[in-house]
Amino acid sequence: MYEETVNRMKILFLEDNPLDSRRISGLLAKDSTDVDVDAVETLADALSRLRQVQYDAILTDLNVPDSEGLDTFLKLQEWAPGMPIVILTGSYQDESNAVNAVHRGAQDFLTKDDLSGKILRRTLKYAIERKQMDNLRQSFVSIVTHELNTPISVIHGAVDNLKEGFLGALNEAQQKYLDMIGSNAKRLHRLSNDIHDLTKIEGGRFHLNVEEIDLCRPLRNVRESLEELSQQRGVRIEPNLPGPVRISADEERLEQVFTNVIKNAVRFADTRVEVRLDTDETRARVAVEDDGPGLDPVDLPMLFQPFYQGKQKKKSDGGSGLGLAIVRGIVMAHGGTIDASNRPDRRGARFVVTLPKSKGG
């Protein structure tokens, strides 16, 4: 079944330019009988075909009469989440959008001016193979995390019952061991959820519940949630937030982003963490700066890689090394960026999250 899928390809091809459509369809079919091409000119037609026909892959331009840029890819991905998508580009702006699409789950992108039948067929076959492996991995991780979470929930329930005196009063040593069991069960639960999130991000299946929000609100919520931790460590969180900044975002996921970044800053800071929000016409930037030892230059290139734990990681952290990789995935899913550096003028680290503003925001 696997070999049949890869050897015989049925491709949905979205291209509104008749000359490009005929040329690229011809390149795919030239000297080959293993490709069936179904060409359409509008996104609406493509979505209609997806309802009726089972394809192996989608080859698409990003700018068509009824859709432009990254939105074209996102709509196709929404309608066919398990299908490999390869982007065609024809300009520098197209290429920028194509790179963003790859970061959000597209398998590859090709430039229209540098195509051959061999390159097209090979790229599509590899895209299908990679997507099949991604789907298998996603399925495996979903099963494993589900099977892990079930006994973890049982452990949590048992620990809570024992702490509440279900089997009688506890002495100090018993209470200490139950606290240790509960703490490690929570850590394992977080790790399970982190692996599941990261797999969805890498597979282009990460779903956002987007709505119009004021970016200041999740930042204030995070500051309040970290108030106890910051007091324990003797660190002040100093927000510098102007009036409302409107963005289209998943507020819960942004709270996850800023909780991770600001909590890390609090852990490494000596006395203070500054959270500063500023904007221009199109973007909002959140800079989180601490006055701690800063980042080791050796760590910087790998900081957002999964499972990477830098030289300056604190032993009390107990993290999995997935936090910043997930943060980066969430930010990129919002069409934004995250950068890390050391402060140029004084001691400490600096993380900057940049997000697109809503129109009129």
Protein backbone atom coordinates (compact mmCIF):
# COMPACT_ATOMS: atom_id res chain seq x y z
CA MET A 1 0.00 0.00 0.00
CA TYR A 2 2.82 2.37 0.90
CA GLU A 3 4.72 1.70 -2.36
CA GLU A 4 1.56 2.15 -4.43
CA THR A 5 0.90 5.53 -2.80
CA VAL A 6 4.42 6.80 -3.51
CA ASN A 7 4.76 5.31 -7.02
CA ARG A 8 1.40 6.56 -8.31
CA MET A 9 0.60 10.17 -7.39
CA LYS A 10 -2.67 12.05 -7.71
CA ILE A 11 -1.90 15.77 -7.38
CA LEU A 12 -4.27 18.69 -6.81
CA PHE A 13 -2.64 21.66 -8.57
CA LEU A 14 -3.84 25.19 -7.73
CA GLU A 15 -2.59 27.82 -10.22
CA ASP A 16 -4.56 30.69 -11.74
CA ASN A 17 -2.09 31.64 -14.48
CA PRO A 18 -3.06 29.55 -17.56
CA LEU A 19 0.46 29.59 -19.01
CA ASP A 20 2.06 28.42 -15.74
CA SER A 21 -0.70 25.86 -15.26
CA ARG A 22 -0.20 24.27 -18.67
CA ARG A 23 3.61 24.41 -18.44
CA ILE A 24 3.86 22.86 -14.97
CA SER A 25 1.17 20.26 -15.65
CA GLY A 26 3.09 19.34 -18.80
CA LEU A 27 6.36 19.05 -16.87
CA LEU A 28 4.74 16.68 -14.38
CA ALA A 29 3.26 14.48 -17.12
CA LYS A 30 6.29 14.55 -19.47
CA ASP A 31 7.98 11.16 -19.85
CA SER A 32 5.95 9.82 -16.93
CA THR A 33 2.81 7.82 -16.39
CA ASP A 34 2.92 7.91 -12.60
CA VAL A 35 1.34 11.35 -12.06
CA ASP A 36 -2.32 12.39 -12.40
CA VAL A 37 -2.73 16.17 -12.23
CA ASP A 38 -6.04 17.84 -11.37
CA ALA A 39 -5.58 21.57 -12.10
CA VAL A 40 -7.86 24.30 -10.68
CA GLU A 41 -7.66 28.09 -10.78
CA THR A 42 -9.31 29.22 -7.52
CA LEU A 43 -9.12 28.29 -3.86
CA ALA A 44 -12.87 27.67 -3.83
CA ASP A 45 -12.50 25.11 -6.62
CA ALA A 46 -9.58 23.47 -4.78
CA LEU A 47 -11.61 23.13 -1.57
CA SER A 48 -14.53 21.74 -3.55
CA ARG A 49 -12.28 19.08 -5.14
CA LEU A 50 -10.86 18.16 -1.74
CA ARG A 51 -14.39 17.32 -0.59
CA GLN A 52 -14.88 14.97 -3.54
CA VAL A 53 -11.49 13.40 -4.38
CA GLN A 54 -8.71 11.73 -2.40
CA TYR A 55 -5.36 13.27 -3.41
CA ASP A 56 -1.83 12.31 -2.45
CA ALA A 57 -0.48 15.87 -2.36
CA ILE A 58 -1.27 19.51 -3.13
CA LEU A 59 0.90 21.73 -5.33
CA THR A 60 -0.15 25.35 -4.99
CA ASP A 61 0.60 28.93 -5.86
CA LEU A 62 -0.08 31.29 -2.95
CA ASN A 63 -1.71 34.13 -4.89
CA VAL A 64 -4.94 33.17 -6.63
CA PRO A 65 -8.07 35.23 -7.44
CA ASP A 66 -9.89 34.46 -4.19
CA SER A 67 -6.96 34.23 -1.76
CA GLU A 68 -3.49 35.73 -1.21
CA GLY A 69 -0.27 34.81 0.50
CA LEU A 70 -0.07 32.61 3.57
CA ASP A 71 -3.87 32.51 3.92
CA THR A 72 -4.04 30.26 0.84
CA PHE A 73 -1.81 27.66 2.46
CA LEU A 74 -3.54 27.91 5.85
CA LYS A 75 -6.97 27.32 4.32
CA LEU A 76 -5.74 24.30 2.34
CA GLN A 77 -4.04 22.95 5.47
CA GLU A 78 -7.26 23.41 7.46
CA TRP A 79 -9.27 21.45 4.90
CA ALA A 80 -6.65 18.72 4.38
CA PRO A 81 -4.59 18.59 7.60
CA GLY A 82 -2.93 15.25 6.87
CA MET A 83 -1.99 15.99 3.25
CA PRO A 84 1.48 17.14 2.10
CA ILE A 85 1.49 20.61 0.54
CA VAL A 86 4.26 21.95 -1.72
CA ILE A 87 4.34 25.69 -2.43
CA LEU A 88 5.16 27.31 -5.79
CA THR A 89 6.73 30.76 -5.71
CA GLY A 90 7.16 33.37 -8.39
CA SER A 91 8.56 36.41 -6.55
CA TYR A 92 10.57 37.45 -3.51
CA GLN A 93 7.41 38.17 -1.53
CA ASP A 94 6.05 34.75 -2.51
CA GLU A 95 9.28 33.16 -1.28
CA SER A 96 8.99 34.89 2.08
CA ASN A 97 5.44 33.60 2.47
CA ALA A 98 6.56 30.14 1.32
CA VAL A 99 9.24 30.01 4.02
CA ASN A 100 6.58 30.93 6.60
CA ALA A 101 4.35 28.18 5.19
CA VAL A 102 7.14 25.62 5.60
CA HIS A 103 7.57 26.73 9.22
CA ARG A 104 3.84 26.11 9.67
CA GLY A 105 3.72 22.66 8.12
CA ALA A 106 4.22 22.84 4.33
CA GLN A 107 6.57 20.13 3.13
CA ASP A 108 8.63 22.22 0.69
CA PHE A 109 8.60 25.11 -1.77
CA LEU A 110 9.84 25.47 -5.35
CA THR A 111 10.55 28.48 -7.57
CA LYS A 112 8.56 28.45 -10.81
CA ASP A 113 11.48 29.64 -12.92
CA ASP A 114 13.75 26.73 -11.90
CA LEU A 115 11.50 23.74 -12.51
CA SER A 116 11.90 20.51 -14.39
CA GLY A 117 9.69 17.46 -14.52
CA LYS A 118 12.27 15.44 -12.60
CA ILE A 119 12.56 18.03 -9.80
CA LEU A 120 8.78 18.36 -9.52
CA ARG A 121 8.11 14.62 -9.33
CA ARG A 122 10.98 13.98 -6.92
CA THR A 123 9.92 16.84 -4.63
CA LEU A 124 6.31 15.63 -4.55
CA LYS A 125 7.30 12.01 -3.90
CA TYR A 126 9.62 13.00 -1.05
CA ALA A 127 6.92 15.29 0.36
CA ILE A 128 4.44 12.39 0.40
CA GLU A 129 6.96 10.08 2.05
CA ARG A 130 7.88 12.65 4.71
CA LYS A 131 4.23 13.37 5.44
CA GLN A 132 3.46 9.68 5.79
CA MET A 133 6.27 9.38 8.34
CA ASP A 134 5.05 12.53 10.12
CA ASN A 135 1.54 11.08 10.31
CA LEU A 136 2.86 7.80 11.71
CA ARG A 137 4.92 9.64 14.30
CA GLN A 138 1.97 11.85 15.25
CA SER A 139 -0.24 8.79 15.67
CA PHE A 140 2.40 7.01 17.76
CA VAL A 141 2.98 10.02 20.02
CA SER A 142 -0.77 10.52 20.50
CA ILE A 143 -1.18 6.92 21.60
CA VAL A 144 1.84 7.02 23.93
CA THR A 145 0.91 10.33 25.59
CA HIS A 146 -2.68 9.16 26.06
CA GLU A 147 -1.50 5.92 27.64
CA LEU A 148 0.89 7.87 29.88
CA ASN A 149 -1.70 10.40 31.02
CA THR A 150 -4.15 7.75 32.20
CA PRO A 151 -1.91 6.24 34.92
CA ILE A 152 -0.56 9.70 35.78
CA SER A 153 -4.13 10.82 36.55
CA VAL A 154 -4.59 7.75 38.75
CA ILE A 155 -1.38 8.59 40.63
CA HIS A 156 -2.55 12.19 41.16
CA GLY A 157 -5.88 10.98 42.51
CA ALA A 158 -4.28 8.47 44.84
CA VAL A 159 -1.82 11.04 46.21
CA ASP A 160 -4.62 13.56 46.82
CA ASN A 161 -6.74 10.94 48.61
CA LEU A 162 -3.86 9.93 50.86
CA LYS A 163 -3.05 13.56 51.69
CA GLU A 164 -6.68 14.12 52.67
CA GLY A 165 -6.46 11.24 55.18
CA PHE A 166 -8.30 8.61 53.17
CA LEU A 167 -6.29 5.87 54.93
CA GLY A 168 -5.66 7.76 58.13
CA ALA A 169 -3.37 10.52 59.38
CA LEU A 170 0.10 10.86 57.82
CA ASN A 171 3.36 11.33 59.65
CA GLU A 172 6.02 13.76 58.43
CA ALA A 173 8.01 11.18 56.47
CA GLN A 174 4.88 9.88 54.69
CA GLN A 175 3.83 13.43 53.78
CA LYS A 176 7.32 14.10 52.37
CA TYR A 177 7.23 11.00 50.16
CA LEU A 178 3.74 11.82 48.90
CA ASP A 179 4.87 15.35 48.01
CA MET A 180 7.78 13.86 46.08
CA ILE A 181 5.49 11.41 44.22
CA GLY A 182 3.00 14.16 43.38
CA SER A 183 5.73 16.53 42.18
CA ASN A 184 7.25 13.93 39.84
CA ALA A 185 3.83 12.90 38.54
CA LYS A 186 3.17 16.55 37.62
CA ARG A 187 6.56 16.75 35.92
CA LEU A 188 5.82 13.63 33.88
CA HIS A 189 2.40 15.02 32.93
CA ARG A 190 4.03 18.26 31.72
CA LEU A 191 6.59 16.30 29.71
CA SER A 192 3.85 14.21 28.09
CA ASN A 193 1.89 17.34 27.13
CA ASP A 194 5.05 19.07 25.86
CA ILE A 195 5.94 16.14 23.59
CA HIS A 196 2.39 16.06 22.24
CA ASP A 197 2.42 19.83 21.55
CA LEU A 198 5.84 19.72 19.89
CA THR A 199 4.81 16.83 17.64
CA LYS A 200 1.72 18.74 16.51
CA ILE A 201 3.79 21.86 15.85
CA GLU A 202 6.39 19.96 13.81
CA GLY A 203 3.67 18.14 11.88
CA GLY A 204 1.77 21.33 10.99
CA ARG A 205 -1.26 20.24 13.03
CA PHE A 206 -1.07 22.84 15.76
CA HIS A 207 -4.46 24.52 16.10
CA LEU A 208 -4.93 28.07 17.38
CA ASN A 209 -8.20 29.49 18.75
CA VAL A 210 -7.69 32.96 17.31
CA GLU A 211 -9.68 35.97 18.43
CA GLU A 212 -9.17 39.72 18.74
CA ILE A 213 -7.41 40.45 22.04
CA ASP A 214 -5.51 43.16 23.88
CA LEU A 215 -1.91 41.92 24.11
CA CYS A 216 -1.53 43.65 27.49
CA ARG A 217 -4.04 41.26 29.09
CA PRO A 218 -2.07 37.97 28.83
CA LEU A 219 1.08 39.83 29.93
CA ARG A 220 -0.69 41.10 33.07
CA ASN A 221 -2.11 37.64 33.74
CA VAL A 222 1.35 36.08 33.52
CA ARG A 223 2.83 38.67 35.86
CA GLU A 224 0.13 37.92 38.45
CA SER A 225 0.62 34.14 38.11
CA LEU A 226 4.38 34.49 38.69
CA GLU A 227 4.08 36.91 41.60
CA GLU A 228 4.67 34.21 44.24
CA LEU A 229 7.71 32.76 42.42
CA SER A 230 9.26 36.20 41.94
CA GLN A 231 8.79 37.06 45.62
CA GLN A 232 10.38 33.77 46.68
CA ARG A 233 13.43 34.58 44.57
CA GLY A 234 13.58 38.23 45.57
CA VAL A 235 13.06 39.38 41.97
CA ARG A 236 10.85 42.27 40.85
CA ILE A 237 8.84 41.90 37.63
CA GLU A 238 8.58 45.41 36.17
CA PRO A 239 6.01 45.70 33.35
CA ASN A 240 6.06 48.64 30.98
CA LEU A 241 2.79 48.24 29.09
CA PRO A 242 1.16 51.10 27.15
CA GLY A 243 -2.53 51.35 26.27
CA PRO A 244 -4.41 48.56 24.49
CA VAL A 245 -2.57 46.80 21.64
CA ARG A 246 -4.98 44.83 19.45
CA ILE A 247 -3.79 41.59 17.85
CA SER A 248 -5.45 38.46 16.47
CA ALA A 249 -4.17 35.61 18.62
CA ASP A 250 -4.85 32.60 20.79
CA GLU A 251 -4.73 34.22 24.23
CA GLU A 252 -4.20 30.97 26.15
CA ARG A 253 -1.25 29.99 23.94
CA LEU A 254 0.31 33.45 24.26
CA GLU A 255 0.06 33.13 28.04
CA GLN A 256 1.95 29.84 27.65
CA VAL A 257 4.64 31.66 25.64
CA PHE A 258 5.09 34.55 28.07
CA THR A 259 4.88 32.31 31.15
CA ASN A 260 7.80 30.29 29.84
CA VAL A 261 9.92 33.29 28.83
CA ILE A 262 9.24 35.42 31.93
CA LYS A 263 9.56 32.46 34.33
CA ASN A 264 12.98 31.65 32.86
CA ALA A 265 13.97 35.28 33.30
CA VAL A 266 12.86 35.24 36.95
CA ARG A 267 14.88 32.07 37.60
CA PHE A 268 18.09 33.59 36.29
CA ALA A 269 17.65 37.24 37.35
CA ASP A 270 19.53 38.70 40.28
CA THR A 271 16.99 41.36 41.27
CA ARG A 272 14.70 42.41 38.40
CA VAL A 273 12.95 41.41 35.17
CA GLU A 274 11.66 44.10 32.82
CA VAL A 275 8.75 43.35 30.47
CA ARG A 276 8.40 46.07 27.85
CA LEU A 277 5.78 46.30 25.09
CA ASP A 278 6.19 48.66 22.13
CA THR A 279 4.61 48.87 18.69
CA ASP A 280 4.96 50.30 15.22
CA GLU A 281 2.38 50.44 12.43
CA THR A 282 2.30 46.69 11.79
CA ARG A 283 3.98 44.88 14.68
CA ALA A 284 3.95 44.55 18.45
CA ARG A 285 7.19 43.67 20.26
CA VAL A 286 7.47 42.27 23.77
CA ALA A 287 11.01 42.44 25.21
CA VAL A 288 11.79 40.48 28.39
CA GLU A 289 15.12 41.45 29.99
CA ASP A 290 16.76 40.22 33.19
CA ASP A 291 19.85 41.27 35.13
CA GLY A 292 21.25 37.77 35.54
CA PRO A 293 24.42 36.23 34.12
CA GLY A 294 23.19 36.33 30.52
CA LEU A 295 23.30 33.59 27.90
CA ASP A 296 26.40 31.59 27.05
CA PRO A 297 27.28 32.41 23.40
CA VAL A 298 27.71 28.66 22.81
CA ASP A 299 24.02 28.13 23.68
CA LEU A 300 22.54 30.83 21.45
CA PRO A 301 22.43 28.93 18.11
CA MET A 302 20.75 25.91 19.76
CA LEU A 303 18.51 27.64 22.28
CA PHE A 304 15.20 26.91 20.51
CA GLN A 305 16.05 23.34 19.50
CA PRO A 306 14.01 20.51 21.10
CA PHE A 307 15.57 18.89 24.19
CA TYR A 308 18.49 21.33 24.22
CA GLN A 309 19.46 22.32 27.75
CA GLY A 310 22.09 25.02 27.92
CA LYS A 311 25.21 25.14 30.04
CA GLN A 312 23.64 27.64 32.41
CA LYS A 313 20.49 25.59 33.08
CA LYS A 314 19.75 25.60 36.80
CA LYS A 315 19.57 22.22 38.49
CA SER A 316 16.36 23.16 40.28
CA ASP A 317 14.65 23.86 36.96
CA GLY A 318 13.49 20.30 36.28
CA GLY A 319 12.61 21.22 32.69
CA SER A 320 12.56 18.92 29.69
CA GLY A 321 14.36 21.16 27.22
CA LEU A 322 11.16 21.45 25.15
CA GLY A 323 9.82 24.73 26.50
CA LEU A 324 11.56 27.18 24.16
CA ALA A 325 11.06 24.92 21.12
CA ILE A 326 7.31 24.96 21.82
CA VAL A 327 7.38 28.71 22.47
CA ARG A 328 9.03 29.26 19.09
CA GLY A 329 6.44 27.05 17.38
CA ILE A 330 3.53 28.92 18.98
CA VAL A 331 4.99 32.31 18.07
CA MET A 332 5.63 31.25 14.46
CA ALA A 333 2.10 29.83 14.22
CA HIS A 334 0.94 33.39 14.97
CA GLY A 335 3.09 34.73 12.12
CA GLY A 336 5.64 36.12 14.57
CA THR A 337 9.27 35.68 15.57
CA ILE A 338 11.24 35.19 18.78
CA ASP A 339 14.90 36.12 19.24
CA ALA A 340 17.33 35.70 22.12
CA SER A 341 20.49 37.67 22.86
CA ASN A 342 22.52 39.22 25.63
CA ARG A 343 21.85 42.83 26.50
CA PRO A 344 24.47 44.92 24.69
CA ASP A 345 24.77 47.66 27.31
CA ARG A 346 24.68 45.76 30.58
CA ARG A 347 24.53 42.32 32.21
CA GLY A 348 21.62 40.00 31.46
CA ALA A 349 19.64 38.17 28.77
CA ARG A 350 17.03 39.58 26.39
CA PHE A 351 14.18 37.74 24.63
CA VAL A 352 12.06 39.58 22.07
CA VAL A 353 8.71 38.27 20.78
CA THR A 354 7.38 40.07 17.68
CA LEU A 355 3.75 39.60 16.61
CA PRO A 356 1.67 41.13 13.79
CA LYS A 357 -0.88 43.72 14.91
CA SER A 358 -4.50 43.72 13.84
CA LYS A 359 -5.54 46.37 11.34
CA GLY A 360 -6.16 49.53 13.31
CA GLY A 361 -4.58 47.90 16.38
